[in-house]
Amino acid sequence: MKFDDLIGNTNVKQKLNKAIESNTISNTLLFAGPEGVGKSHFARVLASNLMHPEKDIDPIAFKKIEENKHPDLHIFEPEGKTSHHTIASMRSLIEQVFMAPFEAEAKVFIIKDADRMLLPSANALLKTLEEPTLDSYIILISSRADEILQTIISRCFKVNFSSIQDEDLRAFLQNKHELGVEDAKKLTKIAQGSIGKAIEIATHPDYLKKRDLFISILAKE
């Protein structure tokens, strides 16, 4: 998959493509922006480019990346009842940073909802963010970047994402989910620039019908 296959945030695509082509991509990045705009998908595409920079990626390797089964792609999500990144999980990340890649040219670590990092976890990660190994890339993802420790942010190259433009979202819904023009317009309005929300609604075909019924009932009252 290429960045051009993703929806919206053209400026981010251009910035990342340029950094990859010039071999100037930072080893530590922060993908910040609204929820549901595709930050995780961008991170996965970036990971595939960093791990397998060859022009035609091996289909088997690509499938492993898509299915989260590649031994050099490590994804960390908040865990436990409090839904936080624990110090144990961050220590696990640090240990793996210093290991050699198994199959790819580099290892990529994606930390989702990085704002859910406990203070001890963040402090444990600081040194690694400051001096990562050359074959390791750490991508933090957050829709609440202002809640991340400033000392963490200062060690990352920040990539700002924005909401998906309405015309891009409508075209996506019509082409990929085969929605009619009117349904695509309605869903785009509800999604408010979030492709994640749009996909969630589009995969529940009764949603728009129930919404229209609810609106018609309210109009009669």
C-alpha atoms as a PDB file:
ATOM      1  CA  MET A   1       0.000   0.000   0.000  1.00  0.00           C
ATOM      2  CA  LYS A   2       1.098   3.559  -0.742  1.00  0.00           C
ATOM      3  CA  PHE A   3       0.167   6.837   0.907  1.00  0.00           C
ATOM      4  CA  ASP A   4      -1.726   7.767  -2.246  1.00  0.00           C
ATOM      5  CA  ASP A   5      -4.118   4.881  -1.514  1.00  0.00           C
ATOM      6  CA  LEU A   6      -5.233   6.628   1.679  1.00  0.00           C
ATOM      7  CA  ILE A   7      -7.935   9.276   1.971  1.00  0.00           C
ATOM      8  CA  GLY A   8      -7.217  12.919   2.804  1.00  0.00           C
ATOM      9  CA  ASN A   9      -4.274  14.726   4.445  1.00  0.00           C
ATOM     10  CA  THR A  10      -2.453  15.343   1.170  1.00  0.00           C
ATOM     11  CA  ASN A  11       0.137  17.540   2.888  1.00  0.00           C
ATOM     12  CA  VAL A  12       1.046  14.682   5.241  1.00  0.00           C
ATOM     13  CA  LYS A  13       1.435  12.301   2.292  1.00  0.00           C
ATOM     14  CA  GLN A  14       3.756  14.745   0.547  1.00  0.00           C
ATOM     15  CA  LYS A  15       5.813  15.343   3.684  1.00  0.00           C
ATOM     16  CA  LEU A  16       6.269  11.636   4.446  1.00  0.00           C
ATOM     17  CA  ASN A  17       6.979  10.673   0.830  1.00  0.00           C
ATOM     18  CA  LYS A  18       9.621  13.386   0.588  1.00  0.00           C
ATOM     19  CA  ALA A  19      11.260  12.272   3.836  1.00  0.00           C
ATOM     20  CA  ILE A  20      11.331   8.638   2.683  1.00  0.00           C
ATOM     21  CA  GLU A  21      12.753   9.484  -0.750  1.00  0.00           C
ATOM     22  CA  SER A  22      15.475  11.688   0.746  1.00  0.00           C
ATOM     23  CA  ASN A  23      16.164   9.203   3.560  1.00  0.00           C
ATOM     24  CA  THR A  24      15.572  11.906   6.173  1.00  0.00           C
ATOM     25  CA  ILE A  25      12.694  10.325   8.080  1.00  0.00           C
ATOM     26  CA  SER A  26      12.965  10.813  11.832  1.00  0.00           C
ATOM     27  CA  ASN A  27      13.367   7.735  14.028  1.00  0.00           C
ATOM     28  CA  THR A  28      10.756   9.105  16.436  1.00  0.00           C
ATOM     29  CA  LEU A  29       7.483  10.580  15.219  1.00  0.00           C
ATOM     30  CA  LEU A  30       4.231  11.793  16.725  1.00  0.00           C
ATOM     31  CA  PHE A  31       1.104  11.533  14.572  1.00  0.00           C
ATOM     32  CA  ALA A  32      -1.325  14.022  16.107  1.00  0.00           C
ATOM     33  CA  GLY A  33      -4.807  15.043  15.039  1.00  0.00           C
ATOM     34  CA  PRO A  34      -8.544  14.368  15.332  1.00  0.00           C
ATOM     35  CA  GLU A  35      -9.816  10.886  16.039  1.00  0.00           C
ATOM     36  CA  GLY A  36     -10.773   8.736  13.063  1.00  0.00           C
ATOM     37  CA  VAL A  37      -8.804  10.511  10.316  1.00  0.00           C
ATOM     38  CA  GLY A  38      -6.540   7.578   9.454  1.00  0.00           C
ATOM     39  CA  LYS A  39      -3.432   8.171  11.582  1.00  0.00           C
ATOM     40  CA  SER A  40      -3.026   4.444  12.272  1.00  0.00           C
ATOM     41  CA  HIS A  41      -3.329   3.625   8.565  1.00  0.00           C
ATOM     42  CA  PHE A  42      -0.680   6.216   7.733  1.00  0.00           C
ATOM     43  CA  ALA A  43       1.556   4.711  10.419  1.00  0.00           C
ATOM     44  CA  ARG A  44       1.148   1.232   8.954  1.00  0.00           C
ATOM     45  CA  VAL A  45       1.967   2.420   5.421  1.00  0.00           C
ATOM     46  CA  LEU A  46       5.010   4.269   6.742  1.00  0.00           C
ATOM     47  CA  ALA A  47       6.043   1.125   8.606  1.00  0.00           C
ATOM     48  CA  SER A  48       5.855  -0.979   5.432  1.00  0.00           C
ATOM     49  CA  ASN A  49       8.046   1.551   3.594  1.00  0.00           C
ATOM     50  CA  LEU A  50      10.633   1.631   6.367  1.00  0.00           C
ATOM     51  CA  MET A  51      10.722  -2.111   6.924  1.00  0.00           C
ATOM     52  CA  HIS A  52      10.738  -3.062   3.248  1.00  0.00           C
ATOM     53  CA  PRO A  53      12.009  -0.066   1.240  1.00  0.00           C
ATOM     54  CA  GLU A  54      12.283  -2.090  -1.953  1.00  0.00           C
ATOM     55  CA  LYS A  55      10.048  -0.773  -4.730  1.00  0.00           C
ATOM     56  CA  ASP A  56       7.955  -3.944  -4.989  1.00  0.00           C
ATOM     57  CA  ILE A  57       7.318  -5.228  -1.483  1.00  0.00           C
ATOM     58  CA  ASP A  58       7.068  -8.985  -1.053  1.00  0.00           C
ATOM     59  CA  PRO A  59       3.316  -9.824  -0.962  1.00  0.00           C
ATOM     60  CA  ILE A  60       3.901 -12.209   1.945  1.00  0.00           C
ATOM     61  CA  ALA A  61       5.652  -9.505   3.974  1.00  0.00           C
ATOM     62  CA  PHE A  62       2.904  -7.016   3.144  1.00  0.00           C
ATOM     63  CA  LYS A  63       0.223  -9.475   4.251  1.00  0.00           C
ATOM     64  CA  LYS A  64       2.043  -9.990   7.548  1.00  0.00           C
ATOM     65  CA  ILE A  65       2.075  -6.225   8.112  1.00  0.00           C
ATOM     66  CA  GLU A  66      -1.625  -5.938   7.282  1.00  0.00           C
ATOM     67  CA  GLU A  67      -2.498  -8.746   9.701  1.00  0.00           C
ATOM     68  CA  ASN A  68      -0.178  -7.565  12.506  1.00  0.00           C
ATOM     69  CA  LYS A  69       1.851 -10.746  12.170  1.00  0.00           C
ATOM     70  CA  HIS A  70       5.171  -9.305  11.017  1.00  0.00           C
ATOM     71  CA  PRO A  71       7.907  -9.995  13.611  1.00  0.00           C
ATOM     72  CA  ASP A  72       9.429  -6.537  13.100  1.00  0.00           C
ATOM     73  CA  LEU A  73       6.201  -4.562  13.512  1.00  0.00           C
ATOM     74  CA  HIS A  74       5.240  -4.012  17.141  1.00  0.00           C
ATOM     75  CA  ILE A  75       1.950  -2.322  18.023  1.00  0.00           C
ATOM     76  CA  PHE A  76       1.252  -1.179  21.573  1.00  0.00           C
ATOM     77  CA  GLU A  77      -2.245  -0.290  22.763  1.00  0.00           C
ATOM     78  CA  PRO A  78      -3.512   0.797  26.195  1.00  0.00           C
ATOM     79  CA  GLU A  79      -4.281  -2.190  28.390  1.00  0.00           C
ATOM     80  CA  GLY A  80      -5.869  -3.205  31.658  1.00  0.00           C
ATOM     81  CA  LYS A  81      -8.939  -1.877  33.448  1.00  0.00           C
ATOM     82  CA  THR A  82      -7.587   1.672  33.439  1.00  0.00           C
ATOM     83  CA  SER A  83      -6.657   1.500  29.738  1.00  0.00           C
ATOM     84  CA  HIS A  84      -3.103   2.807  30.055  1.00  0.00           C
ATOM     85  CA  HIS A  85       0.307   1.984  28.636  1.00  0.00           C
ATOM     86  CA  THR A  86       2.007   0.276  31.550  1.00  0.00           C
ATOM     87  CA  ILE A  87       5.654   0.560  32.481  1.00  0.00           C
ATOM     88  CA  ALA A  88       5.974  -3.169  31.760  1.00  0.00           C
ATOM     89  CA  SER A  89       4.820  -2.719  28.150  1.00  0.00           C
ATOM     90  CA  MET A  90       7.175   0.223  27.603  1.00  0.00           C
ATOM     91  CA  ARG A  91      10.082  -1.750  29.057  1.00  0.00           C
ATOM     92  CA  SER A  92       9.201  -4.538  26.631  1.00  0.00           C
ATOM     93  CA  LEU A  93       9.369  -2.003  23.788  1.00  0.00           C
ATOM     94  CA  ILE A  94      12.757  -0.748  24.975  1.00  0.00           C
ATOM     95  CA  GLU A  95      14.170  -4.290  25.085  1.00  0.00           C
ATOM     96  CA  GLN A  96      12.990  -5.001  21.540  1.00  0.00           C
ATOM     97  CA  VAL A  97      14.437  -1.731  20.219  1.00  0.00           C
ATOM     98  CA  PHE A  98      17.929  -3.062  20.890  1.00  0.00           C
ATOM     99  CA  MET A  99      17.326  -6.381  19.144  1.00  0.00           C
ATOM    100  CA  ALA A 100      18.214  -6.939  15.503  1.00  0.00           C
ATOM    101  CA  PRO A 101      15.356  -7.099  12.967  1.00  0.00           C
ATOM    102  CA  PHE A 102      14.155 -10.621  12.179  1.00  0.00           C
ATOM    103  CA  GLU A 103      13.081 -10.255   8.544  1.00  0.00           C
ATOM    104  CA  ALA A 104      12.974  -6.588   7.571  1.00  0.00           C
ATOM    105  CA  GLU A 105      15.587  -3.863   7.260  1.00  0.00           C
ATOM    106  CA  ALA A 106      14.160  -2.044  10.270  1.00  0.00           C
ATOM    107  CA  LYS A 107      11.857  -2.475  13.248  1.00  0.00           C
ATOM    108  CA  VAL A 108       8.816  -0.244  13.730  1.00  0.00           C
ATOM    109  CA  PHE A 109       7.026   0.379  17.021  1.00  0.00           C
ATOM    110  CA  ILE A 110       3.582   1.989  16.931  1.00  0.00           C
ATOM    111  CA  ILE A 111       2.194   3.324  20.208  1.00  0.00           C
ATOM    112  CA  LYS A 112      -1.528   3.979  19.835  1.00  0.00           C
ATOM    113  CA  ASP A 113      -3.256   6.488  22.124  1.00  0.00           C
ATOM    114  CA  ALA A 114       0.119   7.658  23.377  1.00  0.00           C
ATOM    115  CA  ASP A 115      -1.641  10.143  25.660  1.00  0.00           C
ATOM    116  CA  ARG A 116      -2.690   7.124  27.766  1.00  0.00           C
ATOM    117  CA  MET A 117       0.888   6.596  28.911  1.00  0.00           C
ATOM    118  CA  LEU A 118       1.417   6.541  32.666  1.00  0.00           C
ATOM    119  CA  LEU A 119       4.075   8.923  33.990  1.00  0.00           C
ATOM    120  CA  PRO A 120       6.508   6.105  34.928  1.00  0.00           C
ATOM    121  CA  SER A 121       5.948   4.594  31.469  1.00  0.00           C
ATOM    122  CA  ALA A 122       6.689   7.899  29.751  1.00  0.00           C
ATOM    123  CA  ASN A 123       9.802   8.464  31.833  1.00  0.00           C
ATOM    124  CA  ALA A 124      11.041   4.962  31.030  1.00  0.00           C
ATOM    125  CA  LEU A 125      10.654   5.677  27.314  1.00  0.00           C
ATOM    126  CA  LEU A 126      12.386   9.074  27.274  1.00  0.00           C
ATOM    127  CA  LYS A 127      15.960   7.836  26.865  1.00  0.00           C
ATOM    128  CA  THR A 128      14.994   5.509  24.013  1.00  0.00           C
ATOM    129  CA  LEU A 129      13.142   8.295  22.198  1.00  0.00           C
ATOM    130  CA  GLU A 130      16.191  10.496  22.558  1.00  0.00           C
ATOM    131  CA  GLU A 131      18.674   7.912  21.288  1.00  0.00           C
ATOM    132  CA  PRO A 132      16.894   5.198  19.273  1.00  0.00           C
ATOM    133  CA  THR A 133      18.917   2.658  17.331  1.00  0.00           C
ATOM    134  CA  LEU A 134      19.347   3.421  13.635  1.00  0.00           C
ATOM    135  CA  ASP A 135      17.231   0.433  12.607  1.00  0.00           C
ATOM    136  CA  SER A 136      14.319   1.318  14.913  1.00  0.00           C
ATOM    137  CA  TYR A 137      11.437   3.716  14.336  1.00  0.00           C
ATOM    138  CA  ILE A 138       8.923   4.689  17.003  1.00  0.00           C
ATOM    139  CA  ILE A 139       5.597   6.225  15.957  1.00  0.00           C
ATOM    140  CA  LEU A 140       3.351   7.675  18.649  1.00  0.00           C
ATOM    141  CA  ILE A 141      -0.300   8.222  17.716  1.00  0.00           C
ATOM    142  CA  SER A 142      -2.687  10.487  19.588  1.00  0.00           C
ATOM    143  CA  SER A 143      -5.892  12.452  19.155  1.00  0.00           C
ATOM    144  CA  ARG A 144      -5.087  14.261  22.432  1.00  0.00           C
ATOM    145  CA  ALA A 145      -1.472  15.223  21.932  1.00  0.00           C
ATOM    146  CA  ASP A 146      -1.778  18.093  24.416  1.00  0.00           C
ATOM    147  CA  GLU A 147      -2.055  15.452  27.161  1.00  0.00           C
ATOM    148  CA  ILE A 148       1.335  13.922  26.321  1.00  0.00           C
ATOM    149  CA  LEU A 149       4.325  14.969  28.406  1.00  0.00           C
ATOM    150  CA  GLN A 150       6.153  17.880  26.789  1.00  0.00           C
ATOM    151  CA  THR A 151       9.432  16.030  27.289  1.00  0.00           C
ATOM    152  CA  ILE A 152       8.054  13.225  25.094  1.00  0.00           C
ATOM    153  CA  ILE A 153       6.752  15.613  22.420  1.00  0.00           C
ATOM    154  CA  SER A 154      10.066  17.472  22.261  1.00  0.00           C
ATOM    155  CA  ARG A 155      11.841  14.244  21.298  1.00  0.00           C
ATOM    156  CA  CYS A 156       9.506  13.503  18.375  1.00  0.00           C
ATOM    157  CA  PHE A 157       9.014  14.920  14.914  1.00  0.00           C
ATOM    158  CA  LYS A 158       5.377  15.986  15.043  1.00  0.00           C
ATOM    159  CA  VAL A 159       3.118  15.298  12.054  1.00  0.00           C
ATOM    160  CA  ASN A 160      -0.215  17.115  12.275  1.00  0.00           C
ATOM    161  CA  PHE A 161      -3.305  15.520  10.737  1.00  0.00           C
ATOM    162  CA  SER A 162      -6.561  17.302   9.945  1.00  0.00           C
ATOM    163  CA  SER A 163     -10.162  16.218   9.392  1.00  0.00           C
ATOM    164  CA  ILE A 164     -11.004  14.644   6.033  1.00  0.00           C
ATOM    165  CA  GLN A 165     -12.460  17.101   3.520  1.00  0.00           C
ATOM    166  CA  ASP A 166     -16.156  16.522   2.746  1.00  0.00           C
ATOM    167  CA  GLU A 167     -15.576  15.997  -0.981  1.00  0.00           C
ATOM    168  CA  ASP A 168     -12.929  13.331  -0.298  1.00  0.00           C
ATOM    169  CA  LEU A 169     -15.182  11.578   2.194  1.00  0.00           C
ATOM    170  CA  ARG A 170     -18.189  11.627  -0.159  1.00  0.00           C
ATOM    171  CA  ALA A 171     -16.135  10.235  -3.041  1.00  0.00           C
ATOM    172  CA  PHE A 172     -14.753   7.483  -0.801  1.00  0.00           C
ATOM    173  CA  LEU A 173     -18.221   6.458   0.385  1.00  0.00           C
ATOM    174  CA  GLN A 174     -19.620   6.397  -3.142  1.00  0.00           C
ATOM    175  CA  ASN A 175     -16.691   4.504  -4.667  1.00  0.00           C
ATOM    176  CA  LYS A 176     -15.722   2.106  -1.888  1.00  0.00           C
ATOM    177  CA  HIS A 177     -19.051   1.550  -0.157  1.00  0.00           C
ATOM    178  CA  GLU A 178     -21.308   2.053  -3.189  1.00  0.00           C
ATOM    179  CA  LEU A 179     -23.553   4.579  -1.467  1.00  0.00           C
ATOM    180  CA  GLY A 180     -25.865   6.773  -3.496  1.00  0.00           C
ATOM    181  CA  VAL A 181     -25.199  10.493  -3.752  1.00  0.00           C
ATOM    182  CA  GLU A 182     -27.788  11.489  -1.138  1.00  0.00           C
ATOM    183  CA  ASP A 183     -26.802   8.803   1.374  1.00  0.00           C
ATOM    184  CA  ALA A 184     -23.138   9.726   0.931  1.00  0.00           C
ATOM    185  CA  LYS A 185     -23.965  13.384   1.612  1.00  0.00           C
ATOM    186  CA  LYS A 186     -25.940  12.490   4.747  1.00  0.00           C
ATOM    187  CA  LEU A 187     -23.235  10.207   6.080  1.00  0.00           C
ATOM    188  CA  THR A 188     -20.508  12.761   5.345  1.00  0.00           C
ATOM    189  CA  LYS A 189     -22.397  15.343   7.380  1.00  0.00           C
ATOM    190  CA  ILE A 190     -22.754  12.928  10.299  1.00  0.00           C
ATOM    191  CA  ALA A 191     -19.106  11.791  10.153  1.00  0.00           C
ATOM    192  CA  GLN A 192     -17.781  15.366  10.503  1.00  0.00           C
ATOM    193  CA  GLY A 193     -14.462  14.692   8.815  1.00  0.00           C
ATOM    194  CA  SER A 194     -13.843  11.304  10.450  1.00  0.00           C
ATOM    195  CA  ILE A 195     -13.299   8.475   7.986  1.00  0.00           C
ATOM    196  CA  GLY A 196     -13.374   6.022  10.890  1.00  0.00           C
ATOM    197  CA  LYS A 197     -16.869   7.133  11.872  1.00  0.00           C
ATOM    198  CA  ALA A 198     -17.977   7.124   8.221  1.00  0.00           C
ATOM    199  CA  ILE A 199     -16.836   3.526   7.712  1.00  0.00           C
ATOM    200  CA  GLU A 200     -18.466   2.430  10.962  1.00  0.00           C
ATOM    201  CA  ILE A 201     -21.815   3.866   9.866  1.00  0.00           C
ATOM    202  CA  ALA A 202     -21.495   2.684   6.250  1.00  0.00           C
ATOM    203  CA  THR A 203     -21.027  -0.906   7.420  1.00  0.00           C
ATOM    204  CA  HIS A 204     -24.310  -0.705   9.350  1.00  0.00           C
ATOM    205  CA  PRO A 205     -26.813  -0.258   6.489  1.00  0.00           C
ATOM    206  CA  ASP A 206     -29.807   0.270   8.781  1.00  0.00           C
ATOM    207  CA  TYR A 207     -28.264   3.334  10.416  1.00  0.00           C
ATOM    208  CA  LEU A 208     -29.413   5.917   7.869  1.00  0.00           C
ATOM    209  CA  LYS A 209     -32.891   4.383   7.653  1.00  0.00           C
ATOM    210  CA  LYS A 210     -33.310   4.511  11.427  1.00  0.00           C
ATOM    211  CA  ARG A 211     -31.935   8.049  11.512  1.00  0.00           C
ATOM    212  CA  ASP A 212     -34.381   9.250   8.835  1.00  0.00           C
ATOM    213  CA  LEU A 213     -37.271   7.536  10.642  1.00  0.00           C
ATOM    214  CA  PHE A 214     -36.285   9.197  13.916  1.00  0.00           C
ATOM    215  CA  ILE A 215     -36.089  12.623  12.241  1.00  0.00           C
ATOM    216  CA  SER A 216     -39.492  12.150  10.591  1.00  0.00           C
ATOM    217  CA  ILE A 217     -41.054  11.228  13.954  1.00  0.00           C
ATOM    218  CA  LEU A 218     -39.575  14.324  15.588  1.00  0.00           C
ATOM    219  CA  ALA A 219     -40.852  16.490  12.735  1.00  0.00           C
ATOM    220  CA  LYS A 220     -44.422  15.315  13.387  1.00  0.00           C
ATOM    221  CA  GLU A 221     -44.342  16.163  17.091  1.00  0.00           C
END
